[in-house]
Amino acid sequence: MSDSEAKCVYYGSVGPENTERTLQLAYERALELGIRHVLVASTSGKTGARAAEIMRDLDVVVVSHSTGFHAPNEQRLQPQYREAIEALDARILTTQHALGGVGRAVRRKLGTYQLDEIIAFVLRNFCEGVKVACELTVMAADAGLVPAGQEIVAIGGTGSGADTAVVIRAANSQDFFDLRVLEIICKPRLASTR
């Protein structure tokens, strides 16, 4: 492969004020690269619905938190956003986090970190959104919603909204170390200190 140049935007702040621009930058880069698959993290569904609207000609998968992530039996994906996402022919994946499922239970019960959470902390060195993007990618590949081995665009954020978009070569969770962050489209310049 020959050298290439691509624009990367570094935000001066984290969070939802970057959502609209992040979605637009991700959409433009997906079109430039001929990428059809886009993943977007969305807790309430608001960011997911907006992504589905902007990228209606692409294969958008909105990845929500698992039921019980915040509180027992609670699902934070709001019905009006679920309806909007589905009306735009985007798909929704609701599943346990790849980098914080059973390992988080071990930490909470036994007070020791497991490998999945250590990987999450390392990815947060880039920013929360990069961690989220990598995590979404293996979750969606495991569910058969994006093809492993192909380039996709993944969008995440810090807290709420979207402030990070990357191009990733997807992999399944059992092949996590085959996953590659190929390009950073945008991210906050300063990572959160979570």
C-alpha atoms as a PDB file:
ATOM      1  CA  MET A   1       0.000   0.000   0.000  1.00  0.00           C
ATOM      2  CA  SER A   2       1.282   3.466  -0.832  1.00  0.00           C
ATOM      3  CA  ASP A   3       1.393   6.403   1.549  1.00  0.00           C
ATOM      4  CA  SER A   4      -1.783   8.388   2.034  1.00  0.00           C
ATOM      5  CA  GLU A   5      -2.923  11.484   3.863  1.00  0.00           C
ATOM      6  CA  ALA A   6      -6.213  12.009   5.633  1.00  0.00           C
ATOM      7  CA  LYS A   7      -7.678  14.796   7.707  1.00  0.00           C
ATOM      8  CA  CYS A   8      -7.929  14.238  11.469  1.00  0.00           C
ATOM      9  CA  VAL A   9      -9.848  16.607  13.715  1.00  0.00           C
ATOM     10  CA  TYR A  10      -8.797  17.020  17.349  1.00  0.00           C
ATOM     11  CA  TYR A  11     -11.516  18.545  19.512  1.00  0.00           C
ATOM     12  CA  GLY A  12     -10.684  20.984  22.284  1.00  0.00           C
ATOM     13  CA  SER A  13     -13.335  19.433  24.530  1.00  0.00           C
ATOM     14  CA  VAL A  14     -15.037  16.099  25.098  1.00  0.00           C
ATOM     15  CA  GLY A  15     -18.683  15.239  24.892  1.00  0.00           C
ATOM     16  CA  PRO A  16     -21.954  15.786  23.091  1.00  0.00           C
ATOM     17  CA  GLU A  17     -21.188  19.220  21.632  1.00  0.00           C
ATOM     18  CA  ASN A  18     -19.028  17.339  19.114  1.00  0.00           C
ATOM     19  CA  THR A  19     -21.733  14.882  18.033  1.00  0.00           C
ATOM     20  CA  GLU A  20     -23.000  16.506  14.856  1.00  0.00           C
ATOM     21  CA  ARG A  21     -19.526  17.184  13.482  1.00  0.00           C
ATOM     22  CA  THR A  22     -18.295  13.706  14.444  1.00  0.00           C
ATOM     23  CA  LEU A  23     -21.173  12.036  12.612  1.00  0.00           C
ATOM     24  CA  GLN A  24     -20.620  14.199   9.532  1.00  0.00           C
ATOM     25  CA  LEU A  25     -16.847  13.573   9.481  1.00  0.00           C
ATOM     26  CA  ALA A  26     -17.399   9.826   9.905  1.00  0.00           C
ATOM     27  CA  TYR A  27     -19.947   9.768   7.097  1.00  0.00           C
ATOM     28  CA  GLU A  28     -17.693  11.699   4.725  1.00  0.00           C
ATOM     29  CA  ARG A  29     -14.710   9.424   5.431  1.00  0.00           C
ATOM     30  CA  ALA A  30     -16.794   6.274   4.992  1.00  0.00           C
ATOM     31  CA  LEU A  31     -17.907   7.534   1.579  1.00  0.00           C
ATOM     32  CA  GLU A  32     -14.331   8.476   0.595  1.00  0.00           C
ATOM     33  CA  LEU A  33     -13.081   4.997   1.477  1.00  0.00           C
ATOM     34  CA  GLY A  34     -16.090   3.102   0.121  1.00  0.00           C
ATOM     35  CA  ILE A  35     -16.904   1.725   3.581  1.00  0.00           C
ATOM     36  CA  ARG A  36     -20.484   0.475   3.961  1.00  0.00           C
ATOM     37  CA  HIS A  37     -20.558  -0.537   7.645  1.00  0.00           C
ATOM     38  CA  VAL A  38     -20.807   2.071  10.409  1.00  0.00           C
ATOM     39  CA  LEU A  39     -21.156   1.387  14.132  1.00  0.00           C
ATOM     40  CA  VAL A  40     -22.285   4.011  16.600  1.00  0.00           C
ATOM     41  CA  ALA A  41     -22.526   3.808  20.377  1.00  0.00           C
ATOM     42  CA  SER A  42     -25.757   5.136  21.817  1.00  0.00           C
ATOM     43  CA  THR A  43     -27.117   4.806  25.339  1.00  0.00           C
ATOM     44  CA  SER A  44     -30.451   6.631  25.025  1.00  0.00           C
ATOM     45  CA  GLY A  45     -30.621   6.167  21.255  1.00  0.00           C
ATOM     46  CA  LYS A  46     -30.467   9.885  20.441  1.00  0.00           C
ATOM     47  CA  THR A  47     -27.002   9.730  18.845  1.00  0.00           C
ATOM     48  CA  GLY A  48     -27.906   6.483  17.096  1.00  0.00           C
ATOM     49  CA  ALA A  49     -31.053   7.963  15.592  1.00  0.00           C
ATOM     50  CA  ARG A  50     -29.126  10.979  14.324  1.00  0.00           C
ATOM     51  CA  ALA A  51     -26.429   8.732  12.822  1.00  0.00           C
ATOM     52  CA  ALA A  52     -29.089   6.620  11.099  1.00  0.00           C
ATOM     53  CA  GLU A  53     -30.610   9.785   9.660  1.00  0.00           C
ATOM     54  CA  ILE A  54     -27.320  11.225   8.372  1.00  0.00           C
ATOM     55  CA  MET A  55     -26.004   7.898   7.046  1.00  0.00           C
ATOM     56  CA  ARG A  56     -29.231   6.411   5.738  1.00  0.00           C
ATOM     57  CA  ASP A  57     -27.463   5.088   2.617  1.00  0.00           C
ATOM     58  CA  LEU A  58     -24.965   3.057   4.691  1.00  0.00           C
ATOM     59  CA  ASP A  59     -25.342  -0.033   6.882  1.00  0.00           C
ATOM     60  CA  VAL A  60     -25.640   1.559  10.337  1.00  0.00           C
ATOM     61  CA  VAL A  61     -25.647  -0.493  13.511  1.00  0.00           C
ATOM     62  CA  VAL A  62     -26.475   1.295  16.755  1.00  0.00           C
ATOM     63  CA  VAL A  63     -24.914  -0.403  19.772  1.00  0.00           C
ATOM     64  CA  SER A  64     -26.727   0.178  23.062  1.00  0.00           C
ATOM     65  CA  HIS A  65     -25.901  -0.783  26.629  1.00  0.00           C
ATOM     66  CA  SER A  66     -27.064  -4.127  27.896  1.00  0.00           C
ATOM     67  CA  THR A  67     -30.126  -4.237  30.104  1.00  0.00           C
ATOM     68  CA  GLY A  68     -28.971  -3.928  33.701  1.00  0.00           C
ATOM     69  CA  PHE A  69     -25.750  -2.068  32.833  1.00  0.00           C
ATOM     70  CA  HIS A  70     -26.751   0.961  34.926  1.00  0.00           C
ATOM     71  CA  ALA A  71     -29.277  -0.633  37.288  1.00  0.00           C
ATOM     72  CA  PRO A  72     -30.938  -4.067  37.505  1.00  0.00           C
ATOM     73  CA  ASN A  73     -33.508  -4.602  34.737  1.00  0.00           C
ATOM     74  CA  GLU A  74     -33.084  -1.059  33.393  1.00  0.00           C
ATOM     75  CA  GLN A  75     -32.752  -0.443  29.643  1.00  0.00           C
ATOM     76  CA  ARG A  76     -31.764   3.111  28.747  1.00  0.00           C
ATOM     77  CA  LEU A  77     -32.479   2.890  25.019  1.00  0.00           C
ATOM     78  CA  GLN A  78     -35.585   5.065  24.795  1.00  0.00           C
ATOM     79  CA  PRO A  79     -38.548   3.731  22.791  1.00  0.00           C
ATOM     80  CA  GLN A  80     -38.922   6.837  20.583  1.00  0.00           C
ATOM     81  CA  TYR A  81     -35.287   6.589  19.482  1.00  0.00           C
ATOM     82  CA  ARG A  82     -35.563   2.817  18.923  1.00  0.00           C
ATOM     83  CA  GLU A  83     -38.530   3.489  16.636  1.00  0.00           C
ATOM     84  CA  ALA A  84     -36.666   6.242  14.758  1.00  0.00           C
ATOM     85  CA  ILE A  85     -33.588   4.032  14.273  1.00  0.00           C
ATOM     86  CA  GLU A  86     -35.631   1.108  13.005  1.00  0.00           C
ATOM     87  CA  ALA A  87     -37.752   3.360  10.753  1.00  0.00           C
ATOM     88  CA  LEU A  88     -34.502   4.407   9.034  1.00  0.00           C
ATOM     89  CA  ASP A  89     -33.581   0.720   8.469  1.00  0.00           C
ATOM     90  CA  ALA A  90     -30.629   0.836  10.858  1.00  0.00           C
ATOM     91  CA  ARG A  91     -30.110  -2.097  13.168  1.00  0.00           C
ATOM     92  CA  ILE A  92     -29.711  -2.150  16.949  1.00  0.00           C
ATOM     93  CA  LEU A  93     -27.349  -4.373  18.923  1.00  0.00           C
ATOM     94  CA  THR A  94     -27.957  -4.649  22.655  1.00  0.00           C
ATOM     95  CA  THR A  95     -25.405  -6.862  24.335  1.00  0.00           C
ATOM     96  CA  GLN A  96     -22.878  -7.055  27.152  1.00  0.00           C
ATOM     97  CA  HIS A  97     -19.727  -4.937  26.793  1.00  0.00           C
ATOM     98  CA  ALA A  98     -16.835  -6.925  25.386  1.00  0.00           C
ATOM     99  CA  LEU A  99     -14.357  -5.209  27.726  1.00  0.00           C
ATOM    100  CA  GLY A 100     -16.333  -5.219  30.942  1.00  0.00           C
ATOM    101  CA  GLY A 101     -18.734  -8.100  31.349  1.00  0.00           C
ATOM    102  CA  VAL A 102     -17.837 -10.951  33.656  1.00  0.00           C
ATOM    103  CA  GLY A 103     -14.459  -9.317  34.356  1.00  0.00           C
ATOM    104  CA  ARG A 104     -16.281  -6.359  35.901  1.00  0.00           C
ATOM    105  CA  ALA A 105     -18.253  -8.750  38.105  1.00  0.00           C
ATOM    106  CA  VAL A 106     -14.970 -10.299  39.315  1.00  0.00           C
ATOM    107  CA  ARG A 107     -13.585  -6.822  40.121  1.00  0.00           C
ATOM    108  CA  ARG A 108     -16.750  -5.824  41.998  1.00  0.00           C
ATOM    109  CA  LYS A 109     -16.868  -9.054  43.991  1.00  0.00           C
ATOM    110  CA  LEU A 110     -13.176  -9.829  44.520  1.00  0.00           C
ATOM    111  CA  GLY A 111     -11.538  -6.431  44.121  1.00  0.00           C
ATOM    112  CA  THR A 112      -9.140  -7.401  41.331  1.00  0.00           C
ATOM    113  CA  TYR A 113      -9.032  -6.296  37.714  1.00  0.00           C
ATOM    114  CA  GLN A 114      -9.303  -8.823  34.913  1.00  0.00           C
ATOM    115  CA  LEU A 115      -7.683  -8.732  31.496  1.00  0.00           C
ATOM    116  CA  ASP A 116     -10.676  -7.235  29.665  1.00  0.00           C
ATOM    117  CA  GLU A 117     -10.786  -4.186  31.939  1.00  0.00           C
ATOM    118  CA  ILE A 118      -7.008  -3.747  31.713  1.00  0.00           C
ATOM    119  CA  ILE A 119      -7.303  -3.656  27.907  1.00  0.00           C
ATOM    120  CA  ALA A 120     -10.064  -1.034  28.289  1.00  0.00           C
ATOM    121  CA  PHE A 121      -7.827   1.128  30.484  1.00  0.00           C
ATOM    122  CA  VAL A 122      -5.002   0.946  27.921  1.00  0.00           C
ATOM    123  CA  LEU A 123      -7.334   1.963  25.076  1.00  0.00           C
ATOM    124  CA  ARG A 124      -8.530   4.915  27.167  1.00  0.00           C
ATOM    125  CA  ASN A 125      -4.969   6.267  26.917  1.00  0.00           C
ATOM    126  CA  PHE A 126      -6.065   7.387  23.443  1.00  0.00           C
ATOM    127  CA  CYS A 127      -9.481   8.520  24.700  1.00  0.00           C
ATOM    128  CA  GLU A 128     -12.732   7.010  25.918  1.00  0.00           C
ATOM    129  CA  GLY A 129     -14.163   7.027  22.395  1.00  0.00           C
ATOM    130  CA  VAL A 130     -11.316   4.906  20.970  1.00  0.00           C
ATOM    131  CA  LYS A 131     -11.956   2.324  23.681  1.00  0.00           C
ATOM    132  CA  VAL A 132     -15.668   2.386  22.869  1.00  0.00           C
ATOM    133  CA  ALA A 133     -15.028   2.083  19.113  1.00  0.00           C
ATOM    134  CA  CYS A 134     -12.795  -0.974  19.539  1.00  0.00           C
ATOM    135  CA  GLU A 135     -15.264  -2.565  21.936  1.00  0.00           C
ATOM    136  CA  LEU A 136     -18.272  -1.942  19.661  1.00  0.00           C
ATOM    137  CA  THR A 137     -16.424  -3.462  16.764  1.00  0.00           C
ATOM    138  CA  VAL A 138     -15.791  -6.840  18.375  1.00  0.00           C
ATOM    139  CA  MET A 139     -19.313  -6.897  19.824  1.00  0.00           C
ATOM    140  CA  ALA A 140     -20.852  -6.284  16.388  1.00  0.00           C
ATOM    141  CA  ALA A 141     -18.500  -8.748  14.674  1.00  0.00           C
ATOM    142  CA  ASP A 142     -19.416 -11.413  17.254  1.00  0.00           C
ATOM    143  CA  ALA A 143     -23.099 -10.763  16.508  1.00  0.00           C
ATOM    144  CA  GLY A 144     -22.477 -11.105  12.757  1.00  0.00           C
ATOM    145  CA  LEU A 145     -23.499  -7.477  12.101  1.00  0.00           C
ATOM    146  CA  VAL A 146     -20.154  -6.396  10.610  1.00  0.00           C
ATOM    147  CA  PRO A 147     -17.733  -8.611   8.711  1.00  0.00           C
ATOM    148  CA  ALA A 148     -14.509  -9.545  10.513  1.00  0.00           C
ATOM    149  CA  GLY A 149     -11.437  -8.678   8.454  1.00  0.00           C
ATOM    150  CA  GLN A 150     -13.083  -5.724   6.702  1.00  0.00           C
ATOM    151  CA  GLU A 151     -12.753  -1.998   7.276  1.00  0.00           C
ATOM    152  CA  ILE A 152     -15.605  -0.322   9.106  1.00  0.00           C
ATOM    153  CA  VAL A 153     -16.171   3.063  10.739  1.00  0.00           C
ATOM    154  CA  ALA A 154     -16.835   3.026  14.490  1.00  0.00           C
ATOM    155  CA  ILE A 155     -18.105   6.006  16.474  1.00  0.00           C
ATOM    156  CA  GLY A 156     -17.948   6.451  20.239  1.00  0.00           C
ATOM    157  CA  GLY A 157     -17.898   9.175  22.799  1.00  0.00           C
ATOM    158  CA  THR A 158     -17.103  10.397  26.263  1.00  0.00           C
ATOM    159  CA  GLY A 159     -20.097  10.244  28.582  1.00  0.00           C
ATOM    160  CA  SER A 160     -22.815  11.076  26.063  1.00  0.00           C
ATOM    161  CA  GLY A 161     -22.971  11.991  22.417  1.00  0.00           C
ATOM    162  CA  ALA A 162     -20.144  11.245  19.988  1.00  0.00           C
ATOM    163  CA  ASP A 163     -16.672  12.774  19.951  1.00  0.00           C
ATOM    164  CA  THR A 164     -14.585  10.029  18.349  1.00  0.00           C
ATOM    165  CA  ALA A 165     -14.672   8.267  14.992  1.00  0.00           C
ATOM    166  CA  VAL A 166     -12.150   5.761  13.680  1.00  0.00           C
ATOM    167  CA  VAL A 167     -11.615   3.430  10.769  1.00  0.00           C
ATOM    168  CA  ILE A 168     -11.056  -0.088  12.076  1.00  0.00           C
ATOM    169  CA  ARG A 169     -10.377  -3.466  10.521  1.00  0.00           C
ATOM    170  CA  ALA A 170     -12.936  -5.543  12.384  1.00  0.00           C
ATOM    171  CA  ALA A 171     -12.227  -8.724  14.327  1.00  0.00           C
ATOM    172  CA  ASN A 172     -14.167 -11.076  16.562  1.00  0.00           C
ATOM    173  CA  SER A 173     -13.515 -10.991  20.300  1.00  0.00           C
ATOM    174  CA  GLN A 174     -11.556 -14.250  20.241  1.00  0.00           C
ATOM    175  CA  ASP A 175      -9.297 -12.599  17.637  1.00  0.00           C
ATOM    176  CA  PHE A 176      -9.179  -9.229  19.432  1.00  0.00           C
ATOM    177  CA  PHE A 177      -5.495  -8.687  18.694  1.00  0.00           C
ATOM    178  CA  ASP A 178      -6.201  -8.884  14.943  1.00  0.00           C
ATOM    179  CA  LEU A 179      -8.360  -5.748  15.274  1.00  0.00           C
ATOM    180  CA  ARG A 180      -6.557  -2.700  13.849  1.00  0.00           C
ATOM    181  CA  VAL A 181      -7.293   0.986  14.294  1.00  0.00           C
ATOM    182  CA  LEU A 182      -6.358   2.155  10.795  1.00  0.00           C
ATOM    183  CA  GLU A 183      -7.305   5.828  10.992  1.00  0.00           C
ATOM    184  CA  ILE A 184      -8.477   8.330  13.552  1.00  0.00           C
ATOM    185  CA  ILE A 185     -11.054  10.559  11.901  1.00  0.00           C
ATOM    186  CA  CYS A 186     -11.622  12.685  14.993  1.00  0.00           C
ATOM    187  CA  LYS A 187     -11.155  12.559  18.756  1.00  0.00           C
ATOM    188  CA  PRO A 188     -10.742  14.880  21.716  1.00  0.00           C
ATOM    189  CA  ARG A 189      -7.141  16.038  21.987  1.00  0.00           C
ATOM    190  CA  LEU A 190      -7.201  15.433  25.731  1.00  0.00           C
ATOM    191  CA  ALA A 191      -8.471  12.061  26.868  1.00  0.00           C
ATOM    192  CA  SER A 192     -10.771  11.836  29.847  1.00  0.00           C
ATOM    193  CA  THR A 193      -9.135  10.906  33.133  1.00  0.00           C
ATOM    194  CA  ARG A 194     -11.614   8.164  34.031  1.00  0.00           C
END
